[in-house]
Amino acid sequence: MADEVGYARVSKRQQNPDAQEAELRAAGCERLFVDHGESSRVTDRPQRLASVDHLRPGRHAHRPPARSPRRQ
């Protein structure tokens, strides 16, 4: 699974993406891209775009399931 790429996003800068990063690493991702303080409504998030650019044939993208702070 060396070709697995992960993407995580937190919508507020004060939020911590560590749990998402841990889930992605557990899924076998070696390369992670993380956006901090980026709205889900914005489609041109810098690290999301970088993760797409990083993908090559044979690589797979992973993203942790979306969570609402109210559900945690």
PDB file of N, CA and C in Angstrom:
ATOM      1  N   MET A   1       0.807  -1.206   0.000  1.00  0.00           N
ATOM      2  CA  MET A   1       0.000   0.000   0.000  1.00  0.00           C
ATOM      3  C   MET A   1       0.846   1.264   0.000  1.00  0.00           C
ATOM      4  N   ALA A   2       2.026   1.201  -0.509  1.00  0.00           N
ATOM      5  CA  ALA A   2       2.922   2.351  -0.477  1.00  0.00           C
ATOM      6  C   ALA A   2       2.441   3.505  -1.351  1.00  0.00           C
ATOM      7  N   ASP A   3       1.488   3.246  -2.218  1.00  0.00           N
ATOM      8  CA  ASP A   3       1.023   4.290  -3.119  1.00  0.00           C
ATOM      9  C   ASP A   3      -0.275   4.932  -2.664  1.00  0.00           C
ATOM     10  N   GLU A   4      -0.605   4.816  -1.409  1.00  0.00           N
ATOM     11  CA  GLU A   4      -1.835   5.394  -0.888  1.00  0.00           C
ATOM     12  C   GLU A   4      -1.600   6.851  -0.479  1.00  0.00           C
ATOM     13  N   VAL A   5      -2.515   7.717  -0.867  1.00  0.00           N
ATOM     14  CA  VAL A   5      -2.441   9.147  -0.583  1.00  0.00           C
ATOM     15  C   VAL A   5      -3.637   9.520   0.281  1.00  0.00           C
ATOM     16  N   GLY A   6      -3.419  10.303   1.334  1.00  0.00           N
ATOM     17  CA  GLY A   6      -4.508  10.698   2.221  1.00  0.00           C
ATOM     18  C   GLY A   6      -4.741  12.199   2.215  1.00  0.00           C
ATOM     19  N   TYR A   7      -5.995  12.578   2.421  1.00  0.00           N
ATOM     20  CA  TYR A   7      -6.357  13.992   2.490  1.00  0.00           C
ATOM     21  C   TYR A   7      -7.256  14.215   3.706  1.00  0.00           C
ATOM     22  N   ALA A   8      -6.903  15.196   4.512  1.00  0.00           N
ATOM     23  CA  ALA A   8      -7.700  15.561   5.686  1.00  0.00           C
ATOM     24  C   ALA A   8      -7.944  17.059   5.654  1.00  0.00           C
ATOM     25  N   ARG A   9      -9.046  17.478   6.319  1.00  0.00           N
ATOM     26  CA  ARG A   9      -9.375  18.894   6.360  1.00  0.00           C
ATOM     27  C   ARG A   9     -10.059  19.210   7.670  1.00  0.00           C
ATOM     28  N   VAL A  10      -9.662  20.309   8.263  1.00  0.00           N
ATOM     29  CA  VAL A  10     -10.376  20.854   9.417  1.00  0.00           C
ATOM     30  C   VAL A  10     -10.837  22.248   9.017  1.00  0.00           C
ATOM     31  N   SER A  11     -12.061  22.593   9.402  1.00  0.00           N
ATOM     32  CA  SER A  11     -12.635  23.852   8.926  1.00  0.00           C
ATOM     33  C   SER A  11     -12.212  25.065   9.738  1.00  0.00           C
ATOM     34  N   LYS A  12     -11.689  24.835  10.922  1.00  0.00           N
ATOM     35  CA  LYS A  12     -11.229  25.955  11.745  1.00  0.00           C
ATOM     36  C   LYS A  12      -9.768  25.745  12.104  1.00  0.00           C
ATOM     37  N   ARG A  13      -9.013  26.816  12.071  1.00  0.00           N
ATOM     38  CA  ARG A  13      -7.576  26.703  12.350  1.00  0.00           C
ATOM     39  C   ARG A  13      -7.284  26.136  13.731  1.00  0.00           C
ATOM     40  N   GLN A  14      -8.175  26.368  14.705  1.00  0.00           N
ATOM     41  CA  GLN A  14      -7.916  25.886  16.059  1.00  0.00           C
ATOM     42  C   GLN A  14      -8.245  24.401  16.221  1.00  0.00           C
ATOM     43  N   GLN A  15      -8.859  23.781  15.208  1.00  0.00           N
ATOM     44  CA  GLN A  15      -9.142  22.350  15.274  1.00  0.00           C
ATOM     45  C   GLN A  15      -7.869  21.563  14.999  1.00  0.00           C
ATOM     46  N   ASN A  16      -7.825  20.349  15.532  1.00  0.00           N
ATOM     47  CA  ASN A  16      -6.648  19.509  15.403  1.00  0.00           C
ATOM     48  C   ASN A  16      -6.957  18.331  14.475  1.00  0.00           C
ATOM     49  N   PRO A  17      -6.185  18.171  13.393  1.00  0.00           N
ATOM     50  CA  PRO A  17      -6.440  17.080  12.448  1.00  0.00           C
ATOM     51  C   PRO A  17      -5.749  15.766  12.825  1.00  0.00           C
ATOM     52  N   ASP A  18      -5.168  15.678  14.019  1.00  0.00           N
ATOM     53  CA  ASP A  18      -4.388  14.492  14.385  1.00  0.00           C
ATOM     54  C   ASP A  18      -5.178  13.189  14.280  1.00  0.00           C
ATOM     55  N   ALA A  19      -6.437  13.175  14.695  1.00  0.00           N
ATOM     56  CA  ALA A  19      -7.240  11.945  14.632  1.00  0.00           C
ATOM     57  C   ALA A  19      -7.453  11.515  13.176  1.00  0.00           C
ATOM     58  N   GLN A  20      -7.723  12.489  12.308  1.00  0.00           N
ATOM     59  CA  GLN A  20      -7.892  12.163  10.890  1.00  0.00           C
ATOM     60  C   GLN A  20      -6.595  11.620  10.305  1.00  0.00           C
ATOM     61  N   GLU A  21      -5.472  12.250  10.666  1.00  0.00           N
ATOM     62  CA  GLU A  21      -4.177  11.798  10.168  1.00  0.00           C
ATOM     63  C   GLU A  21      -3.885  10.378  10.646  1.00  0.00           C
ATOM     64  N   ALA A  22      -4.209  10.070  11.894  1.00  0.00           N
ATOM     65  CA  ALA A  22      -3.985   8.726  12.434  1.00  0.00           C
ATOM     66  C   ALA A  22      -4.824   7.698  11.674  1.00  0.00           C
ATOM     67  N   GLU A  23      -6.078   8.040  11.362  1.00  0.00           N
ATOM     68  CA  GLU A  23      -6.931   7.129  10.593  1.00  0.00           C
ATOM     69  C   GLU A  23      -6.361   6.877   9.204  1.00  0.00           C
ATOM     70  N   LEU A  24      -5.857   7.927   8.586  1.00  0.00           N
ATOM     71  CA  LEU A  24      -5.288   7.779   7.249  1.00  0.00           C
ATOM     72  C   LEU A  24      -4.026   6.925   7.277  1.00  0.00           C
ATOM     73  N   ARG A  25      -3.181   7.144   8.272  1.00  0.00           N
ATOM     74  CA  ARG A  25      -1.963   6.316   8.393  1.00  0.00           C
ATOM     75  C   ARG A  25      -2.336   4.857   8.659  1.00  0.00           C
ATOM     76  N   ALA A  26      -3.359   4.633   9.482  1.00  0.00           N
ATOM     77  CA  ALA A  26      -3.815   3.270   9.758  1.00  0.00           C
ATOM     78  C   ALA A  26      -4.359   2.605   8.487  1.00  0.00           C
ATOM     79  N   ALA A  27      -4.876   3.402   7.575  1.00  0.00           N
ATOM     80  CA  ALA A  27      -5.384   2.887   6.302  1.00  0.00           C
ATOM     81  C   ALA A  27      -4.255   2.630   5.309  1.00  0.00           C
ATOM     82  N   GLY A  28      -3.019   2.936   5.701  1.00  0.00           N
ATOM     83  CA  GLY A  28      -1.875   2.665   4.847  1.00  0.00           C
ATOM     84  C   GLY A  28      -1.346   3.844   4.075  1.00  0.00           C
ATOM     85  N   CYS A  29      -1.832   5.034   4.366  1.00  0.00           N
ATOM     86  CA  CYS A  29      -1.372   6.226   3.642  1.00  0.00           C
ATOM     87  C   CYS A  29       0.000   6.651   4.159  1.00  0.00           C
ATOM     88  N   GLU A  30       0.904   6.847   3.230  1.00  0.00           N
ATOM     89  CA  GLU A  30       2.233   7.337   3.594  1.00  0.00           C
ATOM     90  C   GLU A  30       2.376   8.825   3.321  1.00  0.00           C
ATOM     91  N   ARG A  31       1.640   9.327   2.345  1.00  0.00           N
ATOM     92  CA  ARG A  31       1.699  10.746   1.985  1.00  0.00           C
ATOM     93  C   ARG A  31       0.363  11.366   2.349  1.00  0.00           C
ATOM     94  N   LEU A  32       0.405  12.380   3.227  1.00  0.00           N
ATOM     95  CA  LEU A  32      -0.813  13.051   3.676  1.00  0.00           C
ATOM     96  C   LEU A  32      -0.807  14.512   3.260  1.00  0.00           C
ATOM     97  N   PHE A  33      -1.976  15.005   2.932  1.00  0.00           N
ATOM     98  CA  PHE A  33      -2.195  16.406   2.612  1.00  0.00           C
ATOM     99  C   PHE A  33      -3.279  16.895   3.564  1.00  0.00           C
ATOM    100  N   VAL A  34      -3.026  18.012   4.253  1.00  0.00           N
ATOM    101  CA  VAL A  34      -3.975  18.501   5.268  1.00  0.00           C
ATOM    102  C   VAL A  34      -4.246  19.984   5.053  1.00  0.00           C
ATOM    103  N   ASP A  35      -5.521  20.327   4.920  1.00  0.00           N
ATOM    104  CA  ASP A  35      -5.936  21.724   4.849  1.00  0.00           C
ATOM    105  C   ASP A  35      -6.424  22.148   6.226  1.00  0.00           C
ATOM    106  N   HIS A  36      -5.964  23.299   6.680  1.00  0.00           N
ATOM    107  CA  HIS A  36      -6.352  23.867   7.979  1.00  0.00           C
ATOM    108  C   HIS A  36      -7.176  25.123   7.732  1.00  0.00           C
ATOM    109  N   GLY A  37      -8.364  25.176   8.304  1.00  0.00           N
ATOM    110  CA  GLY A  37      -9.178  26.381   8.214  1.00  0.00           C
ATOM    111  C   GLY A  37      -9.768  26.633   6.850  1.00  0.00           C
ATOM    112  N   GLU A  38     -10.007  25.565   6.100  1.00  0.00           N
ATOM    113  CA  GLU A  38     -10.585  25.715   4.764  1.00  0.00           C
ATOM    114  C   GLU A  38     -12.033  25.237   4.776  1.00  0.00           C
ATOM    115  N   SER A  39     -12.928  26.029   4.280  1.00  0.00           N
ATOM    116  CA  SER A  39     -14.345  25.689   4.227  1.00  0.00           C
ATOM    117  C   SER A  39     -14.591  24.552   3.248  1.00  0.00           C
ATOM    118  N   SER A  40     -15.572  23.720   3.548  1.00  0.00           N
ATOM    119  CA  SER A  40     -15.937  22.644   2.628  1.00  0.00           C
ATOM    120  C   SER A  40     -16.608  23.198   1.371  1.00  0.00           C
ATOM    121  N   ARG A  41     -17.081  24.437   1.441  1.00  0.00           N
ATOM    122  CA  ARG A  41     -17.718  25.062   0.277  1.00  0.00           C
ATOM    123  C   ARG A  41     -16.712  25.536  -0.769  1.00  0.00           C
ATOM    124  N   VAL A  42     -15.464  25.662  -0.360  1.00  0.00           N
ATOM    125  CA  VAL A  42     -14.414  26.102  -1.278  1.00  0.00           C
ATOM    126  C   VAL A  42     -13.852  24.872  -1.982  1.00  0.00           C
ATOM    127  N   THR A  43     -13.883  24.866  -3.287  1.00  0.00           N
ATOM    128  CA  THR A  43     -13.411  23.688  -4.021  1.00  0.00           C
ATOM    129  C   THR A  43     -11.921  23.738  -4.351  1.00  0.00           C
ATOM    130  N   ASP A  44     -11.323  24.920  -4.291  1.00  0.00           N
ATOM    131  CA  ASP A  44      -9.899  25.012  -4.629  1.00  0.00           C
ATOM    132  C   ASP A  44      -9.027  25.103  -3.371  1.00  0.00           C
ATOM    133  N   ARG A  45      -9.250  24.170  -2.439  1.00  0.00           N
ATOM    134  CA  ARG A  45      -8.428  24.114  -1.224  1.00  0.00           C
ATOM    135  C   ARG A  45      -7.009  23.709  -1.609  1.00  0.00           C
ATOM    136  N   PRO A  46      -5.999  24.413  -1.128  1.00  0.00           N
ATOM    137  CA  PRO A  46      -4.621  24.189  -1.579  1.00  0.00           C
ATOM    138  C   PRO A  46      -4.128  22.750  -1.440  1.00  0.00           C
ATOM    139  N   GLN A  47      -4.332  22.136  -0.293  1.00  0.00           N
ATOM    140  CA  GLN A  47      -3.824  20.782  -0.112  1.00  0.00           C
ATOM    141  C   GLN A  47      -4.670  19.741  -0.836  1.00  0.00           C
ATOM    142  N   ARG A  48      -5.942  20.014  -1.013  1.00  0.00           N
ATOM    143  CA  ARG A  48      -6.778  19.114  -1.808  1.00  0.00           C
ATOM    144  C   ARG A  48      -6.281  19.092  -3.243  1.00  0.00           C
ATOM    145  N   LEU A  49      -6.011  20.274  -3.782  1.00  0.00           N
ATOM    146  CA  LEU A  49      -5.492  20.357  -5.145  1.00  0.00           C
ATOM    147  C   LEU A  49      -4.134  19.677  -5.251  1.00  0.00           C
ATOM    148  N   ALA A  50      -3.289  19.859  -4.239  1.00  0.00           N
ATOM    149  CA  ALA A  50      -1.975  19.215  -4.250  1.00  0.00           C
ATOM    150  C   ALA A  50      -2.117  17.700  -4.203  1.00  0.00           C
ATOM    151  N   SER A  51      -3.087  17.204  -3.432  1.00  0.00           N
ATOM    152  CA  SER A  51      -3.267  15.755  -3.351  1.00  0.00           C
ATOM    153  C   SER A  51      -3.726  15.186  -4.694  1.00  0.00           C
ATOM    154  N   VAL A  52      -4.597  15.907  -5.382  1.00  0.00           N
ATOM    155  CA  VAL A  52      -5.046  15.462  -6.703  1.00  0.00           C
ATOM    156  C   VAL A  52      -3.878  15.486  -7.683  1.00  0.00           C
ATOM    157  N   ASP A  53      -3.062  16.531  -7.633  1.00  0.00           N
ATOM    158  CA  ASP A  53      -1.899  16.618  -8.510  1.00  0.00           C
ATOM    159  C   ASP A  53      -0.916  15.488  -8.236  1.00  0.00           C
ATOM    160  N   HIS A  54      -0.843  15.046  -6.981  1.00  0.00           N
ATOM    161  CA  HIS A  54       0.102  13.997  -6.583  1.00  0.00           C
ATOM    162  C   HIS A  54      -0.328  12.607  -7.063  1.00  0.00           C
ATOM    163  N   LEU A  55      -1.620  12.442  -7.302  1.00  0.00           N
ATOM    164  CA  LEU A  55      -2.120  11.129  -7.730  1.00  0.00           C
ATOM    165  C   LEU A  55      -1.589  10.766  -9.109  1.00  0.00           C
ATOM    166  N   ARG A  56      -1.221   9.525  -9.223  1.00  0.00           N
ATOM    167  CA  ARG A  56      -0.759   8.968 -10.489  1.00  0.00           C
ATOM    168  C   ARG A  56      -1.491   7.649 -10.693  1.00  0.00           C
ATOM    169  N   PRO A  57      -1.443   7.090 -11.891  1.00  0.00           N
ATOM    170  CA  PRO A  57      -2.085   5.783 -12.085  1.00  0.00           C
ATOM    171  C   PRO A  57      -1.579   4.763 -11.058  1.00  0.00           C
ATOM    172  N   GLY A  58      -2.500   4.054 -10.455  1.00  0.00           N
ATOM    173  CA  GLY A  58      -2.140   3.051  -9.455  1.00  0.00           C
ATOM    174  C   GLY A  58      -2.178   3.558  -8.026  1.00  0.00           C
ATOM    175  N   ARG A  59      -2.277   4.865  -7.843  1.00  0.00           N
ATOM    176  CA  ARG A  59      -2.381   5.430  -6.500  1.00  0.00           C
ATOM    177  C   ARG A  59      -3.847   5.617  -6.160  1.00  0.00           C
ATOM    178  N   HIS A  60      -4.147   5.555  -4.879  1.00  0.00           N
ATOM    179  CA  HIS A  60      -5.528   5.704  -4.419  1.00  0.00           C
ATOM    180  C   HIS A  60      -5.593   6.813  -3.382  1.00  0.00           C
ATOM    181  N   ALA A  61      -6.672   7.581  -3.399  1.00  0.00           N
ATOM    182  CA  ALA A  61      -6.873   8.654  -2.428  1.00  0.00           C
ATOM    183  C   ALA A  61      -7.814   8.177  -1.333  1.00  0.00           C
ATOM    184  N   HIS A  62      -7.526   8.579  -0.109  1.00  0.00           N
ATOM    185  CA  HIS A  62      -8.356   8.250   1.046  1.00  0.00           C
ATOM    186  C   HIS A  62      -8.686   9.528   1.799  1.00  0.00           C
ATOM    187  N   ARG A  63      -9.867   9.562   2.385  1.00  0.00           N
ATOM    188  CA  ARG A  63     -10.264  10.662   3.247  1.00  0.00           C
ATOM    189  C   ARG A  63     -11.068  10.067   4.389  1.00  0.00           C
ATOM    190  N   PRO A  64     -10.777  10.485   5.631  1.00  0.00           N
ATOM    191  CA  PRO A  64     -11.563   9.975   6.753  1.00  0.00           C
ATOM    192  C   PRO A  64     -13.023  10.368   6.593  1.00  0.00           C
ATOM    193  N   PRO A  65     -13.936   9.607   7.194  1.00  0.00           N
ATOM    194  CA  PRO A  65     -15.354   9.972   7.113  1.00  0.00           C
ATOM    195  C   PRO A  65     -15.606  11.353   7.722  1.00  0.00           C
ATOM    196  N   ALA A  66     -16.530  12.082   7.144  1.00  0.00           N
ATOM    197  CA  ALA A  66     -16.874  13.409   7.677  1.00  0.00           C
ATOM    198  C   ALA A  66     -17.538  13.250   9.036  1.00  0.00           C
ATOM    199  N   ARG A  67     -17.190  14.134   9.929  1.00  0.00           N
ATOM    200  CA  ARG A  67     -17.762  14.105  11.274  1.00  0.00           C
ATOM    201  C   ARG A  67     -18.269  15.486  11.645  1.00  0.00           C
ATOM    202  N   SER A  68     -19.395  15.519  12.239  1.00  0.00           N
ATOM    203  CA  SER A  68     -19.916  16.761  12.768  1.00  0.00           C
ATOM    204  C   SER A  68     -19.464  16.877  14.218  1.00  0.00           C
ATOM    205  N   PRO A  69     -18.990  18.048  14.657  1.00  0.00           N
ATOM    206  CA  PRO A  69     -18.570  18.195  16.054  1.00  0.00           C
ATOM    207  C   PRO A  69     -19.675  17.820  17.038  1.00  0.00           C
ATOM    208  N   ARG A  70     -20.934  17.950  16.612  1.00  0.00           N
ATOM    209  CA  ARG A  70     -22.049  17.608  17.497  1.00  0.00           C
ATOM    210  C   ARG A  70     -22.185  16.117  17.702  1.00  0.00           C
ATOM    211  N   ARG A  71     -21.654  15.319  16.777  1.00  0.00           N
ATOM    212  CA  ARG A  71     -21.787  13.859  16.883  1.00  0.00           C
ATOM    213  C   ARG A  71     -20.674  13.220  17.684  1.00  0.00           C
ATOM    214  N   GLN A  72     -19.644  13.944  18.012  1.00  0.00           N
ATOM    215  CA  GLN A  72     -18.496  13.346  18.704  1.00  0.00           C
ATOM    216  C   GLN A  72     -18.720  13.251  20.184  1.00  0.00           C
TER     217      GLN A  72
END
